[in-house]
Amino acid sequence: MSDYAIKVENLGKKYLLRHQAVGRRYVALRDVLADKARSLFQNRKSEIANRKSVEEFWALNDVSFEIKAGEAVGIIGRNGAGKSTLLKILSRITEPTTGCIRLRGRVASLLEVGTGFHPELTGRENIYLNGAILGMHRAEIRKKFDEIVAFAEVEKFLDTPVKRYSSGMYMRLAFAVAAHLEPEILIVDEVLAVGDAEFQKKCMGKMGTVAQAGRTVLFVSHNLQAIRQMCRSVILLKQGKVACVGEAHLGINMYLDQNASAQAGTTDLTTHPRQRAAEVGRLLSLKFMNQQGEQVARLNHTEDLLVEVRFRIDQPTDTLDIPMAIVHAEGIKIFSESYSDRFPKLQLGVGEYTVQFSIPLKFLKLEAYSLAVGLFDGPRYGDFIEGLPLPELVNEAADSHMETHRWGFVRIPVAWKPVSPAATV
């Protein structure tokens, strides 16, 4: 006999999207009555035409997977992939259109703030109400009551109706109830983003404890670092279908590859805002590539990032310089370099050119950065653009715990290649 906690077979969920007629902004009761009366006399042809305004949309289509008891599984995917729909079906909030699910054990779900809470009841009353919904006896709830209140930090407001709670208080109490009443299956959606950083850390620790106790956790989040930290395996959804079921680092990498293929490309700089008009030349485009010359939207922190800048020179110059700088998301300049540091005298005629330089990413933390790049010819202004987001830095080692809190001063060895005439497009 299989030791699964959740088994999903050929699951599908269909919605009907009704497209409103052009020109009608809203439908009043008189419109509904008029349409109904009109439909009694309409012919077959107009009936068929009206049917065409209804479109079928499959939020989930032929989804199958199995989760063993005691596993912590992350569910990832882009917005609209079907994650929330899947959780609603597993939580028995929504019925599937096709297929079936098998659940072994009590299920506690936290899908949105206040799910399962009655706004008119106090925090104390809602704890007992939620416990009863989960099938807990009053004695079991009373045994866990003090732990729930201590975790949620709502002692002063325990006898206040929850409709007067802030979203953070709501969230703390809802999570505390769901996690402490010992369900066999805990389902948590992205709602943890409502809380502050300390609360999120606290929740992650609690979910880890729940998983270690042999209970099953399903965790949906766009925070991939949290998924890596807590989940051994992931389910990747793409357009309502399962794209991958497997180890966490493999599924996450596939998800990032999907985003990279959608985002990677040449950045057009000609329409980027400038503070002043160029005198000598103009920046035209930018590419981020790996060392194999493939355009990327993410890159492992152990690799070098290759940047290619295409620019135009409008006046002959013999003192052109190309400065660049890396800026942290908080606006702190990490370091800067210039082409003239490597090649002191650059003579160029009118035309289009490209320059490449590589940045060793191992000197940067796994955080967000942007690039600033410019053209200058002595006192004459060339062009300057800042705020160009660098590719996402990732740590692709499955079990690596890279230290990211070491600070110090270092000159990052940027490698420049000589400027060359741009290839014609």
Protein backbone atom coordinates (compact mmCIF):
# COMPACT_ATOMS: atom_id res chain seq x y z
CA MET A 1 0.00 0.00 0.00
CA SER A 2 1.40 3.41 -0.99
CA ASP A 3 2.35 5.78 1.83
CA TYR A 4 1.07 8.90 0.06
CA ALA A 5 -0.59 11.81 1.87
CA ILE A 6 -1.87 13.49 -1.32
CA LYS A 7 -2.57 11.80 -4.62
CA VAL A 8 -3.81 13.77 -7.63
CA GLU A 9 -4.90 12.02 -10.82
CA ASN A 10 -5.77 13.75 -14.11
CA LEU A 11 -7.03 16.83 -12.29
CA GLY A 12 -8.67 19.56 -14.34
CA LYS A 13 -10.57 22.75 -13.52
CA LYS A 14 -12.54 24.61 -16.18
CA TYR A 15 -14.01 28.08 -15.92
CA LEU A 16 -16.38 29.77 -18.37
CA LEU A 17 -15.32 33.26 -19.35
CA ARG A 18 -18.24 35.35 -20.53
CA HIS A 19 -17.21 38.19 -22.82
CA GLN A 20 -19.48 41.20 -22.45
CA ALA A 21 -20.76 42.84 -25.60
CA VAL A 22 -18.73 45.83 -26.78
CA GLY A 23 -20.21 49.10 -25.61
CA ARG A 24 -21.97 47.68 -22.52
CA ARG A 25 -20.01 48.74 -19.45
CA TYR A 26 -22.26 47.10 -16.85
CA VAL A 27 -25.40 44.98 -16.73
CA ALA A 28 -28.35 46.21 -14.68
CA LEU A 29 -31.36 44.14 -13.59
CA ARG A 30 -33.51 45.65 -16.34
CA ASP A 31 -30.92 44.48 -18.91
CA VAL A 32 -31.09 40.93 -17.59
CA LEU A 33 -34.91 40.92 -17.74
CA ALA A 34 -34.91 42.45 -21.22
CA ASP A 35 -32.36 39.91 -22.48
CA LYS A 36 -34.39 37.07 -20.99
CA ALA A 37 -37.57 38.28 -22.67
CA ARG A 38 -35.74 38.76 -25.94
CA SER A 39 -34.31 35.26 -25.77
CA LEU A 40 -37.84 33.80 -25.79
CA PHE A 41 -38.33 35.13 -29.31
CA GLN A 42 -34.85 34.96 -30.76
CA ASN A 43 -34.12 32.52 -33.53
CA ARG A 44 -31.63 29.67 -33.50
CA LYS A 45 -28.98 31.68 -35.33
CA SER A 46 -28.79 34.42 -32.71
CA GLU A 47 -28.69 31.78 -29.97
CA ILE A 48 -25.59 30.23 -31.54
CA ALA A 49 -24.04 33.69 -31.88
CA ASN A 50 -24.56 34.35 -28.16
CA ARG A 51 -22.88 31.05 -27.30
CA LYS A 52 -19.75 32.27 -29.02
CA SER A 53 -19.36 34.96 -26.34
CA VAL A 54 -18.58 32.27 -23.77
CA GLU A 55 -15.01 30.97 -23.71
CA GLU A 56 -13.70 27.92 -21.88
CA PHE A 57 -10.61 28.46 -19.75
CA TRP A 58 -8.77 25.53 -18.16
CA ALA A 59 -6.98 26.81 -15.06
CA LEU A 60 -5.69 23.25 -14.52
CA ASN A 61 -5.46 20.56 -17.16
CA ASP A 62 -4.48 16.89 -16.66
CA VAL A 63 -2.49 17.49 -13.46
CA SER A 64 -1.15 14.36 -11.75
CA PHE A 65 1.32 13.91 -8.89
CA GLU A 66 1.79 12.11 -5.60
CA ILE A 67 3.17 13.48 -2.33
CA LYS A 68 4.39 11.14 0.39
CA ALA A 69 3.44 11.61 4.02
CA GLY A 70 5.91 13.83 5.87
CA GLU A 71 7.22 15.65 2.79
CA ALA A 72 7.61 19.42 2.53
CA VAL A 73 6.81 20.31 -1.08
CA GLY A 74 6.99 23.70 -2.75
CA ILE A 75 4.62 24.65 -5.56
CA ILE A 76 6.08 27.24 -7.90
CA GLY A 77 5.18 28.84 -11.21
CA ARG A 78 4.51 32.19 -12.81
CA ASN A 79 1.36 34.17 -12.06
CA GLY A 80 -1.64 32.46 -13.65
CA ALA A 81 0.03 29.03 -13.72
CA GLY A 82 -2.76 27.51 -11.59
CA LYS A 83 -1.13 27.38 -8.15
CA SER A 84 -3.96 28.98 -6.19
CA THR A 85 -6.60 26.97 -8.05
CA LEU A 86 -4.78 23.75 -7.18
CA LEU A 87 -4.62 24.68 -3.50
CA LYS A 88 -8.32 25.57 -3.42
CA ILE A 89 -9.17 22.16 -4.83
CA LEU A 90 -6.87 20.38 -2.37
CA SER A 91 -8.47 22.40 0.43
CA ARG A 92 -11.92 21.33 -0.82
CA ILE A 93 -12.99 24.93 -1.37
CA THR A 94 -13.48 24.37 -5.11
CA GLU A 95 -14.61 21.20 -6.86
CA PRO A 96 -12.55 19.88 -9.79
CA THR A 97 -14.05 19.60 -13.27
CA THR A 98 -12.23 16.37 -14.08
CA GLY A 99 -10.00 13.91 -12.24
CA CYS A 100 -9.84 13.15 -8.55
CA ILE A 101 -7.77 13.80 -5.43
CA ARG A 102 -7.11 11.54 -2.46
CA LEU A 103 -6.13 13.01 0.89
CA ARG A 104 -5.09 11.07 3.97
CA GLY A 105 -5.52 13.03 7.17
CA ARG A 106 -6.89 16.35 8.32
CA VAL A 107 -6.11 19.35 6.15
CA ALA A 108 -5.43 22.88 7.45
CA SER A 109 -5.29 25.59 4.79
CA LEU A 110 -4.06 29.15 4.90
CA LEU A 111 -4.88 30.57 1.48
CA GLU A 112 -5.67 34.19 2.23
CA VAL A 113 -5.85 36.47 5.23
CA GLY A 114 -8.67 35.43 7.55
CA THR A 115 -9.66 32.25 5.75
CA GLY A 116 -12.10 30.40 8.00
CA PHE A 117 -12.40 33.25 10.53
CA HIS A 118 -15.73 34.81 11.48
CA PRO A 119 -15.20 38.58 11.70
CA GLU A 120 -17.80 39.08 14.44
CA LEU A 121 -16.23 36.51 16.76
CA THR A 122 -13.30 37.22 19.05
CA GLY A 123 -9.82 35.80 18.57
CA ARG A 124 -10.49 33.29 21.38
CA GLU A 125 -13.75 32.13 19.78
CA ASN A 126 -12.17 31.82 16.35
CA ILE A 127 -9.43 29.57 17.71
CA TYR A 128 -12.06 27.13 18.95
CA LEU A 129 -14.13 27.52 15.75
CA ASN A 130 -11.15 26.74 13.51
CA GLY A 131 -10.20 23.79 15.66
CA ALA A 132 -13.72 22.39 15.39
CA ILE A 133 -13.63 22.81 11.60
CA LEU A 134 -10.41 20.79 11.55
CA GLY A 135 -12.12 18.04 13.55
CA MET A 136 -10.30 18.72 16.81
CA HIS A 137 -11.92 17.98 20.16
CA ARG A 138 -12.29 20.84 22.62
CA ALA A 139 -9.76 19.24 24.94
CA GLU A 140 -7.18 19.10 22.12
CA ILE A 141 -7.72 22.76 21.31
CA ARG A 142 -7.45 23.76 24.97
CA LYS A 143 -4.15 21.87 25.20
CA LYS A 144 -2.66 23.94 22.36
CA PHE A 145 -4.43 27.20 23.22
CA ASP A 146 -1.57 28.89 25.13
CA GLU A 147 0.98 28.00 22.41
CA ILE A 148 -1.26 29.46 19.72
CA VAL A 149 -1.78 32.74 21.61
CA ALA A 150 1.93 33.06 22.44
CA PHE A 151 2.94 32.46 18.80
CA ALA A 152 0.38 34.94 17.44
CA GLU A 153 1.29 37.62 20.02
CA VAL A 154 -2.32 38.80 20.35
CA GLU A 155 -2.82 38.32 24.12
CA LYS A 156 -4.13 41.88 24.63
CA PHE A 157 -6.68 41.52 21.84
CA LEU A 158 -7.77 37.93 22.44
CA ASP A 159 -11.33 38.95 23.38
CA THR A 160 -11.66 41.58 20.66
CA PRO A 161 -13.66 40.76 17.47
CA VAL A 162 -11.17 39.89 14.74
CA LYS A 163 -12.81 42.36 12.36
CA ARG A 164 -10.91 45.02 14.33
CA TYR A 165 -7.56 43.27 13.87
CA SER A 166 -4.94 44.62 11.51
CA SER A 167 -3.99 42.40 8.57
CA GLY A 168 -0.78 41.45 10.39
CA MET A 169 -2.65 40.40 13.57
CA TYR A 170 -5.16 38.48 11.46
CA MET A 171 -2.33 36.72 9.71
CA ARG A 172 -0.45 35.81 12.87
CA LEU A 173 -3.48 34.29 14.51
CA ALA A 174 -4.62 32.44 11.39
CA PHE A 175 -1.21 30.88 10.86
CA ALA A 176 -0.83 30.03 14.54
CA VAL A 177 -4.14 28.15 14.54
CA ALA A 178 -3.39 26.30 11.30
CA ALA A 179 0.12 25.24 12.36
CA HIS A 180 -0.48 24.36 16.02
CA LEU A 181 -3.62 22.23 15.81
CA GLU A 182 -1.58 19.39 14.34
CA PRO A 183 -3.22 18.69 10.97
CA GLU A 184 -1.69 15.88 8.96
CA ILE A 185 -1.54 18.18 5.91
CA LEU A 186 -0.70 21.90 6.12
CA ILE A 187 -1.31 24.02 3.01
CA VAL A 188 0.13 27.53 2.98
CA ASP A 189 -0.18 30.02 0.13
CA GLU A 190 1.79 33.24 -0.45
CA VAL A 191 -0.14 34.92 2.38
CA LEU A 192 2.94 34.94 4.62
CA ALA A 193 4.06 37.99 2.63
CA VAL A 194 1.55 40.01 4.67
CA GLY A 195 3.66 39.76 7.82
CA ASP A 196 6.88 41.52 8.70
CA ALA A 197 10.31 39.94 8.24
CA GLU A 198 10.50 38.67 11.83
CA PHE A 199 7.08 37.03 11.57
CA GLN A 200 7.96 35.39 8.25
CA LYS A 201 11.12 33.96 9.80
CA LYS A 202 9.07 32.67 12.70
CA CYS A 203 6.55 31.03 10.35
CA MET A 204 9.28 29.39 8.29
CA GLY A 205 10.75 27.92 11.43
CA LYS A 206 7.37 26.59 12.51
CA MET A 207 6.69 25.01 9.12
CA GLY A 208 10.08 23.35 9.28
CA THR A 209 9.17 21.94 12.69
CA VAL A 210 5.84 20.69 11.34
CA ALA A 211 7.62 18.93 8.46
CA GLN A 212 10.20 17.38 10.78
CA ALA A 213 7.37 16.01 12.92
CA GLY A 214 6.32 13.83 9.98
CA ARG A 215 3.41 15.93 8.73
CA THR A 216 2.98 17.03 5.12
CA VAL A 217 3.48 20.66 4.11
CA LEU A 218 2.49 22.26 0.79
CA PHE A 219 4.04 25.68 0.41
CA VAL A 220 3.37 28.14 -2.42
CA SER A 221 5.74 31.09 -2.64
CA HIS A 222 7.57 33.30 -5.12
CA ASN A 223 10.41 33.50 -2.59
CA LEU A 224 12.70 30.88 -4.11
CA GLN A 225 15.20 31.14 -1.28
CA ALA A 226 12.45 30.15 1.17
CA ILE A 227 11.50 27.23 -1.08
CA ARG A 228 15.15 26.08 -1.20
CA GLN A 229 15.45 26.37 2.56
CA MET A 230 12.35 24.39 3.49
CA CYS A 231 11.40 22.07 0.64
CA ARG A 232 13.23 19.01 -0.64
CA SER A 233 11.05 18.76 -3.73
CA VAL A 234 8.90 21.08 -5.85
CA ILE A 235 6.03 20.93 -8.30
CA LEU A 236 6.45 23.39 -11.16
CA LEU A 237 3.23 24.47 -12.87
CA LYS A 238 3.15 26.11 -16.27
CA GLN A 239 -0.10 27.26 -17.89
CA GLY A 240 -2.18 24.88 -15.80
CA LYS A 241 -0.02 21.80 -16.38
CA VAL A 242 2.75 20.09 -14.44
CA ALA A 243 6.09 21.02 -16.00
CA CYS A 244 8.29 19.33 -13.41
CA VAL A 245 8.05 17.21 -10.26
CA GLY A 246 11.37 16.57 -8.60
CA GLU A 247 14.18 17.84 -6.39
CA ALA A 248 13.90 21.45 -5.33
CA HIS A 249 17.04 22.76 -7.03
CA LEU A 250 16.11 21.11 -10.35
CA GLY A 251 12.57 22.51 -10.36
CA ILE A 252 13.74 25.97 -9.32
CA ASN A 253 16.38 26.03 -12.03
CA MET A 254 13.79 25.04 -14.63
CA TYR A 255 11.51 27.82 -13.38
CA LEU A 256 14.32 30.36 -13.58
CA ASP A 257 15.20 29.12 -17.06
CA GLN A 258 11.59 29.74 -18.14
CA ASN A 259 11.81 33.30 -16.85
CA ALA A 260 15.23 33.78 -18.40
CA SER A 261 14.04 32.69 -21.83
CA ALA A 262 11.11 35.09 -21.52
CA GLN A 263 13.22 38.03 -20.31
CA ALA A 264 16.62 37.61 -21.94
CA GLY A 265 17.25 39.78 -24.96
CA THR A 266 18.87 42.94 -26.19
CA THR A 267 17.94 46.04 -24.20
CA ASP A 268 17.18 49.00 -26.46
CA LEU A 269 18.85 52.06 -24.94
CA THR A 270 17.75 54.57 -27.56
CA THR A 271 14.45 55.22 -25.77
CA HIS A 272 15.91 55.15 -22.26
CA PRO A 273 15.52 58.49 -20.42
CA ARG A 274 18.53 60.85 -20.42
CA GLN A 275 19.16 63.98 -18.41
CA ARG A 276 20.70 65.85 -21.36
CA ALA A 277 21.34 65.50 -25.08
CA ALA A 278 24.46 63.68 -26.26
CA GLU A 279 27.26 65.65 -27.91
CA VAL A 280 29.84 63.07 -28.98
CA GLY A 281 27.92 59.83 -29.29
CA ARG A 282 24.97 57.79 -28.08
CA LEU A 283 24.45 54.44 -26.33
CA LEU A 284 22.33 52.18 -28.52
CA SER A 285 21.85 48.75 -26.89
CA LEU A 286 22.99 46.43 -24.14
CA LYS A 287 23.33 42.65 -23.76
CA PHE A 288 23.97 40.52 -20.67
CA MET A 289 25.60 37.20 -21.51
CA ASN A 290 27.37 34.27 -19.92
CA GLN A 291 30.93 33.36 -20.92
CA GLN A 292 29.56 31.21 -23.77
CA GLY A 293 27.97 34.29 -25.32
CA GLU A 294 24.37 33.24 -24.49
CA GLN A 295 22.04 36.01 -23.38
CA VAL A 296 20.80 35.48 -19.83
CA ALA A 297 18.37 36.93 -17.29
CA ARG A 298 19.97 35.01 -14.39
CA LEU A 299 23.47 33.74 -13.70
CA ASN A 300 25.17 31.60 -11.09
CA HIS A 301 27.23 33.68 -8.63
CA THR A 302 30.35 31.62 -9.38
CA GLU A 303 30.40 32.72 -13.05
CA ASP A 304 31.46 35.89 -14.83
CA LEU A 305 28.88 38.21 -16.38
CA LEU A 306 29.75 39.41 -19.88
CA VAL A 307 28.30 42.80 -20.81
CA GLU A 308 28.22 44.04 -24.40
CA VAL A 309 27.45 47.69 -25.10
CA ARG A 310 26.72 48.97 -28.60
CA PHE A 311 27.19 52.70 -29.19
CA ARG A 312 27.40 55.30 -31.95
CA ILE A 313 30.06 57.99 -32.40
CA ASP A 314 28.85 61.17 -34.12
CA GLN A 315 32.12 63.12 -34.04
CA PRO A 316 35.70 61.86 -34.41
CA THR A 317 37.42 61.50 -31.05
CA ASP A 318 40.83 60.47 -29.72
CA THR A 319 40.07 60.72 -25.96
CA LEU A 320 36.87 58.71 -25.63
CA ASP A 321 36.29 56.97 -22.31
CA ILE A 322 33.61 54.44 -21.34
CA PRO A 323 32.90 54.43 -17.60
CA MET A 324 30.72 51.81 -15.89
CA ALA A 325 29.53 51.27 -12.33
CA ILE A 326 27.62 48.62 -10.38
CA VAL A 327 25.01 50.01 -7.99
CA HIS A 328 23.26 48.11 -5.20
CA ALA A 329 19.45 48.12 -5.08
CA GLU A 330 19.65 50.49 -2.09
CA GLY A 331 21.48 53.05 -4.25
CA ILE A 332 25.01 52.35 -2.97
CA LYS A 333 27.72 52.32 -5.62
CA ILE A 334 29.62 49.04 -5.24
CA PHE A 335 32.46 49.82 -7.62
CA SER A 336 33.25 51.63 -10.86
CA GLU A 337 35.69 51.14 -13.72
CA SER A 338 36.61 52.91 -16.94
CA TYR A 339 37.79 51.67 -20.32
CA SER A 340 40.70 54.11 -20.03
CA ASP A 341 42.02 52.16 -17.03
CA ARG A 342 42.97 49.41 -19.47
CA PHE A 343 43.26 51.27 -22.78
CA PRO A 344 44.38 54.89 -22.14
CA LYS A 345 43.90 56.35 -25.62
CA LEU A 346 40.90 55.44 -27.75
CA GLN A 347 40.68 56.97 -31.22
CA LEU A 348 37.40 56.46 -33.09
CA GLY A 349 35.82 57.88 -36.20
CA VAL A 350 32.14 58.33 -36.93
CA GLY A 351 30.29 55.01 -36.85
CA GLU A 352 28.86 52.29 -34.62
CA TYR A 353 30.98 50.18 -32.25
CA THR A 354 30.72 47.57 -29.52
CA VAL A 355 32.70 47.10 -26.32
CA GLN A 356 32.61 44.14 -23.94
CA PHE A 357 33.65 43.77 -20.33
CA SER A 358 33.21 40.92 -17.85
CA ILE A 359 32.42 41.14 -14.14
CA PRO A 360 33.30 38.29 -11.73
CA LEU A 361 30.07 37.83 -9.77
CA LYS A 362 31.70 35.95 -6.89
CA PHE A 363 32.52 39.29 -5.27
CA LEU A 364 28.83 40.25 -5.07
CA LYS A 365 26.17 39.12 -2.60
CA LEU A 366 23.02 37.33 -3.82
CA GLU A 367 21.09 40.58 -4.05
CA ALA A 368 19.81 42.98 -6.71
CA TYR A 369 22.12 45.33 -8.60
CA SER A 370 21.95 47.71 -11.53
CA LEU A 371 24.46 48.93 -14.10
CA ALA A 372 25.38 52.48 -15.06
CA VAL A 373 27.34 53.06 -18.27
CA GLY A 374 28.40 56.14 -20.23
CA LEU A 375 30.43 57.72 -23.02
CA PHE A 376 32.69 60.71 -22.35
CA ASP A 377 35.27 62.58 -24.43
CA GLY A 378 37.22 64.85 -22.11
CA PRO A 379 35.01 67.82 -21.28
CA ARG A 380 32.50 66.94 -23.97
CA TYR A 381 29.42 65.05 -22.84
CA GLY A 382 28.78 61.79 -24.63
CA ASP A 383 25.94 59.81 -23.08
CA PHE A 384 25.11 58.29 -19.71
CA ILE A 385 22.45 55.80 -18.57
CA GLU A 386 21.90 54.29 -15.13
CA GLY A 387 19.42 51.95 -13.48
CA LEU A 388 19.87 49.02 -15.90
CA PRO A 389 19.00 45.90 -13.83
CA LEU A 390 21.66 43.19 -13.78
CA PRO A 391 20.59 39.54 -14.27
CA GLU A 392 19.43 37.75 -11.14
CA LEU A 393 22.28 36.23 -9.14
CA VAL A 394 21.55 32.68 -7.99
CA ASN A 395 23.29 29.96 -6.02
CA GLU A 396 22.70 26.79 -8.01
CA ALA A 397 24.35 24.39 -5.56
CA ALA A 398 21.57 22.17 -4.21
CA ASP A 399 22.83 22.02 -0.64
CA SER A 400 25.12 25.02 -0.50
CA HIS A 401 24.90 27.52 2.34
CA MET A 402 27.01 30.32 0.92
CA GLU A 403 28.06 32.93 3.42
CA THR A 404 26.63 36.27 2.25
CA HIS A 405 27.39 38.50 5.23
CA ARG A 406 31.11 39.15 4.84
CA TRP A 407 31.98 42.75 4.08
CA GLY A 408 35.23 44.39 3.09
CA PHE A 409 37.05 46.47 0.48
CA VAL A 410 38.23 44.84 -2.71
CA ARG A 411 38.99 45.99 -6.24
CA ILE A 412 36.92 43.79 -8.49
CA PRO A 413 38.99 42.73 -11.52
CA VAL A 414 36.81 43.83 -14.45
CA ALA A 415 38.20 42.55 -17.77
CA TRP A 416 37.74 44.82 -20.81
CA LYS A 417 37.97 43.80 -24.46
CA PRO A 418 39.07 46.31 -27.10
CA VAL A 419 36.39 48.34 -28.82
CA SER A 420 35.51 46.90 -32.24
CA PRO A 421 33.31 48.08 -35.12
CA ALA A 422 29.73 46.96 -34.64
CA ALA A 423 28.42 44.22 -36.89
CA THR A 424 25.80 45.42 -39.34
CA VAL A 425 22.26 44.33 -38.56
